[in-house]
Amino acid sequence: MALGATLITLALAAGGKAFAHHGWSWADSEQTELEGTIETISMSPPHPSLEVRDADGTLWQVDLGNPNQTQRSGFTGDTAETGDAITVLGNRNSDASRAHIKAVRITINGTNYDMYPERIVAE
């Protein structure tokens, strides 16, 4: 019985974390632009992501769209490599102490990959 209760508790905790992760409530409403160099590329669910180092040396977590959105944008695990320059248009974490941004568009080598084209407000 104790094992069952533990599993239920873990499942609820994981579900709460996943729920908090999705959506835009954690992000600023204004979009910002981040320029830097790709350090890592992860295409793993729930959201593909990048780590990008900016000119000041800060390492940013960049959340892309869900796997289907990211693929539809044209971005795949083979589209870019570590060391590539990137521009990210997106909504950064409302907690300014966190270097975390949710991308609506990424630009690599002059090509735009629109994760959330309906959300792009800066051109």
PDB file of N, CA and C in Angstrom:
ATOM      1  N   MET A   1       0.821  -1.199   0.000  1.00  0.00           N
ATOM      2  CA  MET A   1       0.000   0.000   0.000  1.00  0.00           C
ATOM      3  C   MET A   1       0.865   1.263   0.000  1.00  0.00           C
ATOM      4  N   ALA A   2       1.963   1.258   0.757  1.00  0.00           N
ATOM      5  CA  ALA A   2       2.835   2.425   0.813  1.00  0.00           C
ATOM      6  C   ALA A   2       3.459   2.692  -0.556  1.00  0.00           C
ATOM      7  N   LEU A   3       3.817   1.629  -1.280  1.00  0.00           N
ATOM      8  CA  LEU A   3       4.394   1.800  -2.609  1.00  0.00           C
ATOM      9  C   LEU A   3       3.383   2.456  -3.546  1.00  0.00           C
ATOM     10  N   GLY A   4       2.135   2.047  -3.476  1.00  0.00           N
ATOM     11  CA  GLY A   4       1.091   2.631  -4.314  1.00  0.00           C
ATOM     12  C   GLY A   4       0.905   4.112  -4.028  1.00  0.00           C
ATOM     13  N   ALA A   5       0.903   4.477  -2.765  1.00  0.00           N
ATOM     14  CA  ALA A   5       0.762   5.882  -2.389  1.00  0.00           C
ATOM     15  C   ALA A   5       1.949   6.692  -2.889  1.00  0.00           C
ATOM     16  N   THR A   6       3.133   6.115  -2.798  1.00  0.00           N
ATOM     17  CA  THR A   6       4.334   6.800  -3.272  1.00  0.00           C
ATOM     18  C   THR A   6       4.258   7.027  -4.778  1.00  0.00           C
ATOM     19  N   LEU A   7       3.831   6.006  -5.526  1.00  0.00           N
ATOM     20  CA  LEU A   7       3.720   6.146  -6.974  1.00  0.00           C
ATOM     21  C   LEU A   7       2.693   7.201  -7.360  1.00  0.00           C
ATOM     22  N   ILE A   8       1.580   7.223  -6.646  1.00  0.00           N
ATOM     23  CA  ILE A   8       0.554   8.236  -6.922  1.00  0.00           C
ATOM     24  C   ILE A   8       1.104   9.629  -6.647  1.00  0.00           C
ATOM     25  N   THR A   9       1.811   9.781  -5.542  1.00  0.00           N
ATOM     26  CA  THR A   9       2.395  11.078  -5.201  1.00  0.00           C
ATOM     27  C   THR A   9       3.390  11.520  -6.255  1.00  0.00           C
ATOM     28  N   LEU A  10       4.244  10.611  -6.712  1.00  0.00           N
ATOM     29  CA  LEU A  10       5.217  10.946  -7.753  1.00  0.00           C
ATOM     30  C   LEU A  10       4.525  11.324  -9.060  1.00  0.00           C
ATOM     31  N   ALA A  11       3.486  10.606  -9.415  1.00  0.00           N
ATOM     32  CA  ALA A  11       2.753  10.907 -10.648  1.00  0.00           C
ATOM     33  C   ALA A  11       2.105  12.286 -10.577  1.00  0.00           C
ATOM     34  N   LEU A  12       1.510  12.614  -9.435  1.00  0.00           N
ATOM     35  CA  LEU A  12       0.893  13.929  -9.273  1.00  0.00           C
ATOM     36  C   LEU A  12       1.933  15.040  -9.310  1.00  0.00           C
ATOM     37  N   ALA A  13       3.075  14.811  -8.689  1.00  0.00           N
ATOM     38  CA  ALA A  13       4.140  15.813  -8.695  1.00  0.00           C
ATOM     39  C   ALA A  13       4.662  16.033 -10.108  1.00  0.00           C
ATOM     40  N   ALA A  14       4.855  14.970 -10.848  1.00  0.00           N
ATOM     41  CA  ALA A  14       5.338  15.086 -12.225  1.00  0.00           C
ATOM     42  C   ALA A  14       4.302  15.789 -13.097  1.00  0.00           C
ATOM     43  N   GLY A  15       3.047  15.461 -12.905  1.00  0.00           N
ATOM     44  CA  GLY A  15       1.986  16.103 -13.674  1.00  0.00           C
ATOM     45  C   GLY A  15       1.912  17.587 -13.397  1.00  0.00           C
ATOM     46  N   GLY A  16       2.086  17.980 -12.148  1.00  0.00           N
ATOM     47  CA  GLY A  16       2.072  19.389 -11.787  1.00  0.00           C
ATOM     48  C   GLY A  16       3.220  20.138 -12.425  1.00  0.00           C
ATOM     49  N   LYS A  17       4.381  19.514 -12.458  1.00  0.00           N
ATOM     50  CA  LYS A  17       5.548  20.132 -13.081  1.00  0.00           C
ATOM     51  C   LYS A  17       5.315  20.297 -14.573  1.00  0.00           C
ATOM     52  N   ALA A  18       4.778  19.275 -15.209  1.00  0.00           N
ATOM     53  CA  ALA A  18       4.504  19.359 -16.643  1.00  0.00           C
ATOM     54  C   ALA A  18       3.474  20.438 -16.927  1.00  0.00           C
ATOM     55  N   PHE A  19       2.439  20.524 -16.090  1.00  0.00           N
ATOM     56  CA  PHE A  19       1.411  21.537 -16.278  1.00  0.00           C
ATOM     57  C   PHE A  19       2.013  22.936 -16.160  1.00  0.00           C
ATOM     58  N   ALA A  20       2.883  23.134 -15.167  1.00  0.00           N
ATOM     59  CA  ALA A  20       3.493  24.437 -14.966  1.00  0.00           C
ATOM     60  C   ALA A  20       4.425  24.793 -16.122  1.00  0.00           C
ATOM     61  N   HIS A  21       5.028  23.789 -16.752  1.00  0.00           N
ATOM     62  CA  HIS A  21       5.979  24.021 -17.829  1.00  0.00           C
ATOM     63  C   HIS A  21       5.291  24.541 -19.086  1.00  0.00           C
ATOM     64  N   HIS A  22       4.106  24.027 -19.382  1.00  0.00           N
ATOM     65  CA  HIS A  22       3.425  24.368 -20.621  1.00  0.00           C
ATOM     66  C   HIS A  22       2.733  25.710 -20.510  1.00  0.00           C
ATOM     67  N   GLY A  23       2.463  26.313 -21.645  1.00  0.00           N
ATOM     68  CA  GLY A  23       1.794  27.596 -21.678  1.00  0.00           C
ATOM     69  C   GLY A  23       2.795  28.742 -21.641  1.00  0.00           C
ATOM     70  N   TRP A  24       2.253  29.931 -21.492  1.00  0.00           N
ATOM     71  CA  TRP A  24       3.061  31.149 -21.558  1.00  0.00           C
ATOM     72  C   TRP A  24       2.986  31.967 -20.275  1.00  0.00           C
ATOM     73  N   SER A  25       2.296  31.495 -19.261  1.00  0.00           N
ATOM     74  CA  SER A  25       2.072  32.292 -18.060  1.00  0.00           C
ATOM     75  C   SER A  25       3.366  32.672 -17.345  1.00  0.00           C
ATOM     76  N   TRP A  26       4.411  31.906 -17.518  1.00  0.00           N
ATOM     77  CA  TRP A  26       5.690  32.183 -16.857  1.00  0.00           C
ATOM     78  C   TRP A  26       6.531  33.206 -17.609  1.00  0.00           C
ATOM     79  N   ALA A  27       6.102  33.571 -18.822  1.00  0.00           N
ATOM     80  CA  ALA A  27       6.915  34.424 -19.697  1.00  0.00           C
ATOM     81  C   ALA A  27       6.367  35.848 -19.757  1.00  0.00           C
ATOM     82  N   ASP A  28       7.280  36.804 -19.987  1.00  0.00           N
ATOM     83  CA  ASP A  28       6.894  38.198 -20.211  1.00  0.00           C
ATOM     84  C   ASP A  28       6.022  38.287 -21.452  1.00  0.00           C
ATOM     85  N   SER A  29       5.135  39.260 -21.497  1.00  0.00           N
ATOM     86  CA  SER A  29       4.285  39.430 -22.670  1.00  0.00           C
ATOM     87  C   SER A  29       5.052  40.088 -23.819  1.00  0.00           C
ATOM     88  N   GLU A  30       6.063  40.910 -23.504  1.00  0.00           N
ATOM     89  CA  GLU A  30       6.862  41.541 -24.548  1.00  0.00           C
ATOM     90  C   GLU A  30       7.911  40.575 -25.081  1.00  0.00           C
ATOM     91  N   GLN A  31       8.135  40.648 -26.378  1.00  0.00           N
ATOM     92  CA  GLN A  31       9.153  39.799 -26.986  1.00  0.00           C
ATOM     93  C   GLN A  31      10.502  40.504 -26.982  1.00  0.00           C
ATOM     94  N   THR A  32      11.534  39.700 -26.848  1.00  0.00           N
ATOM     95  CA  THR A  32      12.894  40.208 -26.881  1.00  0.00           C
ATOM     96  C   THR A  32      13.693  39.384 -27.874  1.00  0.00           C
ATOM     97  N   GLU A  33      14.858  39.906 -28.210  1.00  0.00           N
ATOM     98  CA  GLU A  33      15.741  39.211 -29.135  1.00  0.00           C
ATOM     99  C   GLU A  33      17.024  38.839 -28.404  1.00  0.00           C
ATOM    100  N   LEU A  34      17.447  37.615 -28.591  1.00  0.00           N
ATOM    101  CA  LEU A  34      18.676  37.099 -28.000  1.00  0.00           C
ATOM    102  C   LEU A  34      19.591  36.669 -29.133  1.00  0.00           C
ATOM    103  N   GLU A  35      20.824  37.136 -29.106  1.00  0.00           N
ATOM    104  CA  GLU A  35      21.811  36.716 -30.089  1.00  0.00           C
ATOM    105  C   GLU A  35      22.916  35.979 -29.360  1.00  0.00           C
ATOM    106  N   GLY A  36      23.381  34.899 -29.957  1.00  0.00           N
ATOM    107  CA  GLY A  36      24.444  34.142 -29.322  1.00  0.00           C
ATOM    108  C   GLY A  36      24.910  32.993 -30.184  1.00  0.00           C
ATOM    109  N   THR A  37      25.526  32.027 -29.509  1.00  0.00           N
ATOM    110  CA  THR A  37      26.094  30.854 -30.158  1.00  0.00           C
ATOM    111  C   THR A  37      25.491  29.605 -29.534  1.00  0.00           C
ATOM    112  N   ILE A  38      25.095  28.660 -30.367  1.00  0.00           N
ATOM    113  CA  ILE A  38      24.490  27.422 -29.875  1.00  0.00           C
ATOM    114  C   ILE A  38      25.554  26.592 -29.157  1.00  0.00           C
ATOM    115  N   GLU A  39      25.253  26.224 -27.911  1.00  0.00           N
ATOM    116  CA  GLU A  39      26.138  25.353 -27.122  1.00  0.00           C
ATOM    117  C   GLU A  39      25.669  23.900 -27.168  1.00  0.00           C
ATOM    118  N   THR A  40      24.345  23.691 -27.046  1.00  0.00           N
ATOM    119  CA  THR A  40      23.784  22.340 -27.120  1.00  0.00           C
ATOM    120  C   THR A  40      22.448  22.380 -27.843  1.00  0.00           C
ATOM    121  N   ILE A  41      22.106  21.233 -28.439  1.00  0.00           N
ATOM    122  CA  ILE A  41      20.820  21.049 -29.117  1.00  0.00           C
ATOM    123  C   ILE A  41      20.201  19.777 -28.562  1.00  0.00           C
ATOM    124  N   SER A  42      18.962  19.879 -28.081  1.00  0.00           N
ATOM    125  CA  SER A  42      18.230  18.703 -27.607  1.00  0.00           C
ATOM    126  C   SER A  42      16.888  18.650 -28.324  1.00  0.00           C
ATOM    127  N   MET A  43      16.614  17.540 -28.971  1.00  0.00           N
ATOM    128  CA  MET A  43      15.337  17.374 -29.658  1.00  0.00           C
ATOM    129  C   MET A  43      14.384  16.495 -28.842  1.00  0.00           C
ATOM    130  N   SER A  44      14.688  16.292 -27.580  1.00  0.00           N
ATOM    131  CA  SER A  44      13.901  15.418 -26.710  1.00  0.00           C
ATOM    132  C   SER A  44      12.608  16.078 -26.263  1.00  0.00           C
ATOM    133  N   PRO A  45      11.522  15.274 -26.143  1.00  0.00           N
ATOM    134  CA  PRO A  45      10.275  15.791 -25.589  1.00  0.00           C
ATOM    135  C   PRO A  45      10.461  16.176 -24.125  1.00  0.00           C
ATOM    136  N   PRO A  46       9.644  17.017 -23.521  1.00  0.00           N
ATOM    137  CA  PRO A  46       8.400  17.515 -24.109  1.00  0.00           C
ATOM    138  C   PRO A  46       8.621  18.651 -25.104  1.00  0.00           C
ATOM    139  N   HIS A  47       9.729  19.375 -25.003  1.00  0.00           N
ATOM    140  CA  HIS A  47      10.024  20.443 -25.946  1.00  0.00           C
ATOM    141  C   HIS A  47      11.484  20.370 -26.342  1.00  0.00           C
ATOM    142  N   PRO A  48      11.750  20.361 -27.637  1.00  0.00           N
ATOM    143  CA  PRO A  48      13.132  20.524 -28.052  1.00  0.00           C
ATOM    144  C   PRO A  48      13.661  21.842 -27.468  1.00  0.00           C
ATOM    145  N   SER A  49      14.951  21.875 -27.198  1.00  0.00           N
ATOM    146  CA  SER A  49      15.519  23.071 -26.599  1.00  0.00           C
ATOM    147  C   SER A  49      16.965  23.242 -27.034  1.00  0.00           C
ATOM    148  N   LEU A  50      17.443  24.442 -26.830  1.00  0.00           N
ATOM    149  CA  LEU A  50      18.821  24.787 -27.123  1.00  0.00           C
ATOM    150  C   LEU A  50      19.418  25.443 -25.890  1.00  0.00           C
ATOM    151  N   GLU A  51      20.718  25.371 -25.771  1.00  0.00           N
ATOM    152  CA  GLU A  51      21.431  26.223 -24.843  1.00  0.00           C
ATOM    153  C   GLU A  51      22.244  27.172 -25.704  1.00  0.00           C
ATOM    154  N   VAL A  52      22.097  28.462 -25.434  1.00  0.00           N
ATOM    155  CA  VAL A  52      22.719  29.502 -26.240  1.00  0.00           C
ATOM    156  C   VAL A  52      23.531  30.416 -25.324  1.00  0.00           C
ATOM    157  N   ARG A  53      24.792  30.639 -25.692  1.00  0.00           N
ATOM    158  CA  ARG A  53      25.645  31.542 -24.924  1.00  0.00           C
ATOM    159  C   ARG A  53      25.648  32.906 -25.615  1.00  0.00           C
ATOM    160  N   ASP A  54      25.289  33.955 -24.844  1.00  0.00           N
ATOM    161  CA  ASP A  54      25.267  35.298 -25.411  1.00  0.00           C
ATOM    162  C   ASP A  54      26.643  35.952 -25.323  1.00  0.00           C
ATOM    163  N   ALA A  55      26.756  37.174 -25.847  1.00  0.00           N
ATOM    164  CA  ALA A  55      28.042  37.875 -25.901  1.00  0.00           C
ATOM    165  C   ALA A  55      28.622  38.155 -24.517  1.00  0.00           C
ATOM    166  N   ASP A  56      27.752  38.232 -23.495  1.00  0.00           N
ATOM    167  CA  ASP A  56      28.213  38.475 -22.121  1.00  0.00           C
ATOM    168  C   ASP A  56      28.668  37.201 -21.430  1.00  0.00           C
ATOM    169  N   GLY A  57      28.487  36.047 -22.101  1.00  0.00           N
ATOM    170  CA  GLY A  57      28.889  34.775 -21.515  1.00  0.00           C
ATOM    171  C   GLY A  57      27.787  34.053 -20.770  1.00  0.00           C
ATOM    172  N   THR A  58      26.588  34.618 -20.746  1.00  0.00           N
ATOM    173  CA  THR A  58      25.454  33.979 -20.070  1.00  0.00           C
ATOM    174  C   THR A  58      24.939  32.829 -20.908  1.00  0.00           C
ATOM    175  N   LEU A  59      24.683  31.697 -20.260  1.00  0.00           N
ATOM    176  CA  LEU A  59      24.127  30.524 -20.942  1.00  0.00           C
ATOM    177  C   LEU A  59      22.616  30.538 -20.774  1.00  0.00           C
ATOM    178  N   TRP A  60      21.899  30.601 -21.874  1.00  0.00           N
ATOM    179  CA  TRP A  60      20.439  30.690 -21.897  1.00  0.00           C
ATOM    180  C   TRP A  60      19.822  29.344 -22.260  1.00  0.00           C
ATOM    181  N   GLN A  61      18.724  29.021 -21.604  1.00  0.00           N
ATOM    182  CA  GLN A  61      17.881  27.901 -22.026  1.00  0.00           C
ATOM    183  C   GLN A  61      16.851  28.473 -22.987  1.00  0.00           C
ATOM    184  N   VAL A  62      16.791  27.905 -24.187  1.00  0.00           N
ATOM    185  CA  VAL A  62      15.850  28.346 -25.215  1.00  0.00           C
ATOM    186  C   VAL A  62      14.890  27.197 -25.488  1.00  0.00           C
ATOM    187  N   ASP A  63      13.626  27.363 -25.089  1.00  0.00           N
ATOM    188  CA  ASP A  63      12.605  26.356 -25.369  1.00  0.00           C
ATOM    189  C   ASP A  63      12.049  26.599 -26.767  1.00  0.00           C
ATOM    190  N   LEU A  64      12.007  25.555 -27.574  1.00  0.00           N
ATOM    191  CA  LEU A  64      11.409  25.630 -28.904  1.00  0.00           C
ATOM    192  C   LEU A  64       9.952  25.191 -28.792  1.00  0.00           C
ATOM    193  N   GLY A  65       9.277  24.975 -29.912  1.00  0.00           N
ATOM    194  CA  GLY A  65       7.908  24.482 -29.883  1.00  0.00           C
ATOM    195  C   GLY A  65       7.879  23.011 -29.497  1.00  0.00           C
ATOM    196  N   ASN A  66       6.681  22.458 -29.401  1.00  0.00           N
ATOM    197  CA  ASN A  66       6.610  21.023 -29.148  1.00  0.00           C
ATOM    198  C   ASN A  66       7.247  20.311 -30.347  1.00  0.00           C
ATOM    199  N   PRO A  67       7.532  19.023 -30.247  1.00  0.00           N
ATOM    200  CA  PRO A  67       8.238  18.352 -31.347  1.00  0.00           C
ATOM    201  C   PRO A  67       7.585  18.533 -32.720  1.00  0.00           C
ATOM    202  N   ASN A  68       6.254  18.474 -32.797  1.00  0.00           N
ATOM    203  CA  ASN A  68       5.586  18.646 -34.096  1.00  0.00           C
ATOM    204  C   ASN A  68       5.733  20.066 -34.623  1.00  0.00           C
ATOM    205  N   GLN A  69       5.556  21.072 -33.746  1.00  0.00           N
ATOM    206  CA  GLN A  69       5.702  22.464 -34.169  1.00  0.00           C
ATOM    207  C   GLN A  69       7.128  22.730 -34.645  1.00  0.00           C
ATOM    208  N   THR A  70       8.086  22.220 -33.896  1.00  0.00           N
ATOM    209  CA  THR A  70       9.480  22.444 -34.247  1.00  0.00           C
ATOM    210  C   THR A  70       9.790  21.827 -35.602  1.00  0.00           C
ATOM    211  N   GLN A  71       9.315  20.621 -35.841  1.00  0.00           N
ATOM    212  CA  GLN A  71       9.537  19.962 -37.129  1.00  0.00           C
ATOM    213  C   GLN A  71       8.840  20.727 -38.258  1.00  0.00           C
ATOM    214  N   ARG A  72       7.596  21.181 -38.012  1.00  0.00           N
ATOM    215  CA  ARG A  72       6.868  21.943 -39.040  1.00  0.00           C
ATOM    216  C   ARG A  72       7.581  23.251 -39.386  1.00  0.00           C
ATOM    217  N   SER A  73       8.300  23.816 -38.413  1.00  0.00           N
ATOM    218  CA  SER A  73       9.023  25.065 -38.676  1.00  0.00           C
ATOM    219  C   SER A  73      10.195  24.829 -39.628  1.00  0.00           C
ATOM    220  N   GLY A  74      10.591  23.558 -39.786  1.00  0.00           N
ATOM    221  CA  GLY A  74      11.725  23.212 -40.622  1.00  0.00           C
ATOM    222  C   GLY A  74      12.988  22.928 -39.829  1.00  0.00           C
ATOM    223  N   PHE A  75      12.942  23.152 -38.511  1.00  0.00           N
ATOM    224  CA  PHE A  75      14.114  22.920 -37.682  1.00  0.00           C
ATOM    225  C   PHE A  75      14.131  21.471 -37.213  1.00  0.00           C
ATOM    226  N   THR A  76      15.259  20.801 -37.472  1.00  0.00           N
ATOM    227  CA  THR A  76      15.452  19.422 -37.021  1.00  0.00           C
ATOM    228  C   THR A  76      16.780  19.343 -36.282  1.00  0.00           C
ATOM    229  N   GLY A  77      17.093  18.189 -35.779  1.00  0.00           N
ATOM    230  CA  GLY A  77      18.360  17.993 -35.089  1.00  0.00           C
ATOM    231  C   GLY A  77      19.572  18.175 -35.995  1.00  0.00           C
ATOM    232  N   ASP A  78      19.339  18.151 -37.310  1.00  0.00           N
ATOM    233  CA  ASP A  78      20.440  18.303 -38.262  1.00  0.00           C
ATOM    234  C   ASP A  78      20.511  19.697 -38.885  1.00  0.00           C
ATOM    235  N   THR A  79      19.607  20.588 -38.495  1.00  0.00           N
ATOM    236  CA  THR A  79      19.549  21.917 -39.091  1.00  0.00           C
ATOM    237  C   THR A  79      20.723  22.788 -38.673  1.00  0.00           C
ATOM    238  N   ALA A  80      21.156  22.647 -37.437  1.00  0.00           N
ATOM    239  CA  ALA A  80      22.217  23.490 -36.895  1.00  0.00           C
ATOM    240  C   ALA A  80      23.221  22.626 -36.147  1.00  0.00           C
ATOM    241  N   GLU A  81      24.347  23.233 -35.832  1.00  0.00           N
ATOM    242  CA  GLU A  81      25.391  22.551 -35.069  1.00  0.00           C
ATOM    243  C   GLU A  81      25.820  23.437 -33.915  1.00  0.00           C
ATOM    244  N   THR A  82      26.418  22.820 -32.908  1.00  0.00           N
ATOM    245  CA  THR A  82      26.996  23.625 -31.847  1.00  0.00           C
ATOM    246  C   THR A  82      28.040  24.545 -32.471  1.00  0.00           C
ATOM    247  N   GLY A  83      28.079  25.757 -31.966  1.00  0.00           N
ATOM    248  CA  GLY A  83      28.989  26.763 -32.501  1.00  0.00           C
ATOM    249  C   GLY A  83      28.346  27.693 -33.505  1.00  0.00           C
ATOM    250  N   ASP A  84      27.158  27.328 -34.027  1.00  0.00           N
ATOM    251  CA  ASP A  84      26.469  28.194 -34.987  1.00  0.00           C
ATOM    252  C   ASP A  84      25.927  29.438 -34.287  1.00  0.00           C
ATOM    253  N   ALA A  85      25.987  30.567 -35.005  1.00  0.00           N
ATOM    254  CA  ALA A  85      25.371  31.798 -34.520  1.00  0.00           C
ATOM    255  C   ALA A  85      23.858  31.673 -34.662  1.00  0.00           C
ATOM    256  N   ILE A  86      23.132  32.252 -33.705  1.00  0.00           N
ATOM    257  CA  ILE A  86      21.673  32.168 -33.701  1.00  0.00           C
ATOM    258  C   ILE A  86      21.085  33.468 -33.165  1.00  0.00           C
ATOM    259  N   THR A  87      19.929  33.826 -33.707  1.00  0.00           N
ATOM    260  CA  THR A  87      19.123  34.904 -33.161  1.00  0.00           C
ATOM    261  C   THR A  87      17.794  34.292 -32.748  1.00  0.00           C
ATOM    262  N   VAL A  88      17.395  34.558 -31.517  1.00  0.00           N
ATOM    263  CA  VAL A  88      16.148  34.029 -30.980  1.00  0.00           C
ATOM    264  C   VAL A  88      15.206  35.197 -30.733  1.00  0.00           C
ATOM    265  N   LEU A  89      14.014  35.127 -31.284  1.00  0.00           N
ATOM    266  CA  LEU A  89      12.943  36.062 -30.963  1.00  0.00           C
ATOM    267  C   LEU A  89      11.974  35.302 -30.080  1.00  0.00           C
ATOM    268  N   GLY A  90      11.695  35.845 -28.909  1.00  0.00           N
ATOM    269  CA  GLY A  90      10.801  35.118 -28.022  1.00  0.00           C
ATOM    270  C   GLY A  90      10.449  35.891 -26.776  1.00  0.00           C
ATOM    271  N   ASN A  91       9.840  35.176 -25.852  1.00  0.00           N
ATOM    272  CA  ASN A  91       9.382  35.750 -24.589  1.00  0.00           C
ATOM    273  C   ASN A  91      10.231  35.172 -23.472  1.00  0.00           C
ATOM    274  N   ARG A  92      10.947  36.051 -22.789  1.00  0.00           N
ATOM    275  CA  ARG A  92      11.832  35.575 -21.733  1.00  0.00           C
ATOM    276  C   ARG A  92      11.067  35.353 -20.442  1.00  0.00           C
ATOM    277  N   ASN A  93      11.677  34.610 -19.561  1.00  0.00           N
ATOM    278  CA  ASN A  93      11.096  34.308 -18.273  1.00  0.00           C
ATOM    279  C   ASN A  93      10.819  35.609 -17.525  1.00  0.00           C
ATOM    280  N   SER A  94       9.648  35.717 -16.902  1.00  0.00           N
ATOM    281  CA  SER A  94       9.320  36.935 -16.162  1.00  0.00           C
ATOM    282  C   SER A  94      10.192  37.093 -14.920  1.00  0.00           C
ATOM    283  N   ASP A  95      10.854  36.022 -14.494  1.00  0.00           N
ATOM    284  CA  ASP A  95      11.850  36.092 -13.423  1.00  0.00           C
ATOM    285  C   ASP A  95      13.180  36.439 -14.095  1.00  0.00           C
ATOM    286  N   ALA A  96      13.546  37.714 -14.056  1.00  0.00           N
ATOM    287  CA  ALA A  96      14.728  38.197 -14.774  1.00  0.00           C
ATOM    288  C   ALA A  96      16.024  37.548 -14.312  1.00  0.00           C
ATOM    289  N   SER A  97      16.008  36.873 -13.176  1.00  0.00           N
ATOM    290  CA  SER A  97      17.226  36.198 -12.711  1.00  0.00           C
ATOM    291  C   SER A  97      17.472  34.891 -13.474  1.00  0.00           C
ATOM    292  N   ARG A  98      16.463  34.439 -14.238  1.00  0.00           N
ATOM    293  CA  ARG A  98      16.599  33.202 -15.007  1.00  0.00           C
ATOM    294  C   ARG A  98      16.890  33.521 -16.470  1.00  0.00           C
ATOM    295  N   ALA A  99      17.924  32.919 -17.004  1.00  0.00           N
ATOM    296  CA  ALA A  99      18.275  33.070 -18.421  1.00  0.00           C
ATOM    297  C   ALA A  99      17.512  31.999 -19.192  1.00  0.00           C
ATOM    298  N   HIS A 100      16.246  32.290 -19.458  1.00  0.00           N
ATOM    299  CA  HIS A 100      15.322  31.307 -20.025  1.00  0.00           C
ATOM    300  C   HIS A 100      14.360  32.052 -20.941  1.00  0.00           C
ATOM    301  N   ILE A 101      14.219  31.561 -22.161  1.00  0.00           N
ATOM    302  CA  ILE A 101      13.349  32.212 -23.137  1.00  0.00           C
ATOM    303  C   ILE A 101      12.607  31.153 -23.944  1.00  0.00           C
ATOM    304  N   LYS A 102      11.365  31.458 -24.268  1.00  0.00           N
ATOM    305  CA  LYS A 102      10.566  30.586 -25.125  1.00  0.00           C
ATOM    306  C   LYS A 102      10.560  31.203 -26.522  1.00  0.00           C
ATOM    307  N   ALA A 103      11.124  30.491 -27.475  1.00  0.00           N
ATOM    308  CA  ALA A 103      11.289  31.029 -28.826  1.00  0.00           C
ATOM    309  C   ALA A 103       9.983  30.993 -29.602  1.00  0.00           C
ATOM    310  N   VAL A 104       9.696  32.087 -30.304  1.00  0.00           N
ATOM    311  CA  VAL A 104       8.632  32.074 -31.300  1.00  0.00           C
ATOM    312  C   VAL A 104       9.254  31.936 -32.691  1.00  0.00           C
ATOM    313  N   ARG A 105      10.512  32.406 -32.820  1.00  0.00           N
ATOM    314  CA  ARG A 105      11.270  32.274 -34.074  1.00  0.00           C
ATOM    315  C   ARG A 105      12.745  32.166 -33.724  1.00  0.00           C
ATOM    316  N   ILE A 106      13.437  31.296 -34.436  1.00  0.00           N
ATOM    317  CA  ILE A 106      14.891  31.293 -34.366  1.00  0.00           C
ATOM    318  C   ILE A 106      15.405  31.525 -35.784  1.00  0.00           C
ATOM    319  N   THR A 107      16.544  32.198 -35.878  1.00  0.00           N
ATOM    320  CA  THR A 107      17.154  32.478 -37.177  1.00  0.00           C
ATOM    321  C   THR A 107      18.584  31.981 -37.150  1.00  0.00           C
ATOM    322  N   ILE A 108      18.902  31.117 -38.108  1.00  0.00           N
ATOM    323  CA  ILE A 108      20.242  30.546 -38.236  1.00  0.00           C
ATOM    324  C   ILE A 108      20.658  30.672 -39.695  1.00  0.00           C
ATOM    325  N   ASN A 109      21.823  31.254 -39.929  1.00  0.00           N
ATOM    326  CA  ASN A 109      22.340  31.430 -41.291  1.00  0.00           C
ATOM    327  C   ASN A 109      21.323  32.098 -42.219  1.00  0.00           C
ATOM    328  N   GLY A 110      20.596  33.095 -41.691  1.00  0.00           N
ATOM    329  CA  GLY A 110      19.637  33.846 -42.498  1.00  0.00           C
ATOM    330  C   GLY A 110      18.304  33.162 -42.734  1.00  0.00           C
ATOM    331  N   THR A 111      18.115  31.961 -42.205  1.00  0.00           N
ATOM    332  CA  THR A 111      16.846  31.236 -42.371  1.00  0.00           C
ATOM    333  C   THR A 111      16.034  31.310 -41.087  1.00  0.00           C
ATOM    334  N   ASN A 112      14.760  31.720 -41.228  1.00  0.00           N
ATOM    335  CA  ASN A 112      13.850  31.776 -40.090  1.00  0.00           C
ATOM    336  C   ASN A 112      13.158  30.441 -39.899  1.00  0.00           C
ATOM    337  N   TYR A 113      13.063  30.035 -38.640  1.00  0.00           N
ATOM    338  CA  TYR A 113      12.306  28.840 -38.245  1.00  0.00           C
ATOM    339  C   TYR A 113      11.263  29.318 -37.252  1.00  0.00           C
ATOM    340  N   ASP A 114      10.009  29.422 -37.724  1.00  0.00           N
ATOM    341  CA  ASP A 114       8.934  29.982 -36.911  1.00  0.00           C
ATOM    342  C   ASP A 114       8.235  28.883 -36.128  1.00  0.00           C
ATOM    343  N   MET A 115       8.471  28.849 -34.820  1.00  0.00           N
ATOM    344  CA  MET A 115       7.843  27.865 -33.942  1.00  0.00           C
ATOM    345  C   MET A 115       6.379  28.226 -33.700  1.00  0.00           C
ATOM    346  N   TYR A 116       6.131  29.502 -33.480  1.00  0.00           N
ATOM    347  CA  TYR A 116       4.787  30.018 -33.183  1.00  0.00           C
ATOM    348  C   TYR A 116       4.544  31.248 -34.067  1.00  0.00           C
ATOM    349  N   PRO A 117       4.323  31.058 -35.370  1.00  0.00           N
ATOM    350  CA  PRO A 117       4.190  32.208 -36.263  1.00  0.00           C
ATOM    351  C   PRO A 117       3.067  33.168 -35.869  1.00  0.00           C
ATOM    352  N   GLU A 118       2.008  32.639 -35.279  1.00  0.00           N
ATOM    353  CA  GLU A 118       0.874  33.486 -34.879  1.00  0.00           C
ATOM    354  C   GLU A 118       1.220  34.410 -33.721  1.00  0.00           C
ATOM    355  N   ARG A 119       2.311  34.143 -33.021  1.00  0.00           N
ATOM    356  CA  ARG A 119       2.703  34.944 -31.862  1.00  0.00           C
ATOM    357  C   ARG A 119       3.771  35.986 -32.195  1.00  0.00           C
ATOM    358  N   ILE A 120       4.299  35.988 -33.400  1.00  0.00           N
ATOM    359  CA  ILE A 120       5.363  36.917 -33.765  1.00  0.00           C
ATOM    360  C   ILE A 120       4.799  38.323 -33.881  1.00  0.00           C
ATOM    361  N   VAL A 121       5.340  39.239 -33.067  1.00  0.00           N
ATOM    362  CA  VAL A 121       4.859  40.627 -33.103  1.00  0.00           C
ATOM    363  C   VAL A 121       5.940  41.576 -33.576  1.00  0.00           C
ATOM    364  N   ALA A 122       7.187  41.165 -33.588  1.00  0.00           N
ATOM    365  CA  ALA A 122       8.284  42.039 -34.054  1.00  0.00           C
ATOM    366  C   ALA A 122       8.751  41.558 -35.410  1.00  0.00           C
ATOM    367  N   GLU A 123       8.907  42.446 -36.307  1.00  0.00           N
ATOM    368  CA  GLU A 123       9.402  42.091 -37.650  1.00  0.00           C
ATOM    369  C   GLU A 123      10.615  42.917 -37.960  1.00  0.00           C
TER     370      GLU A 123
END
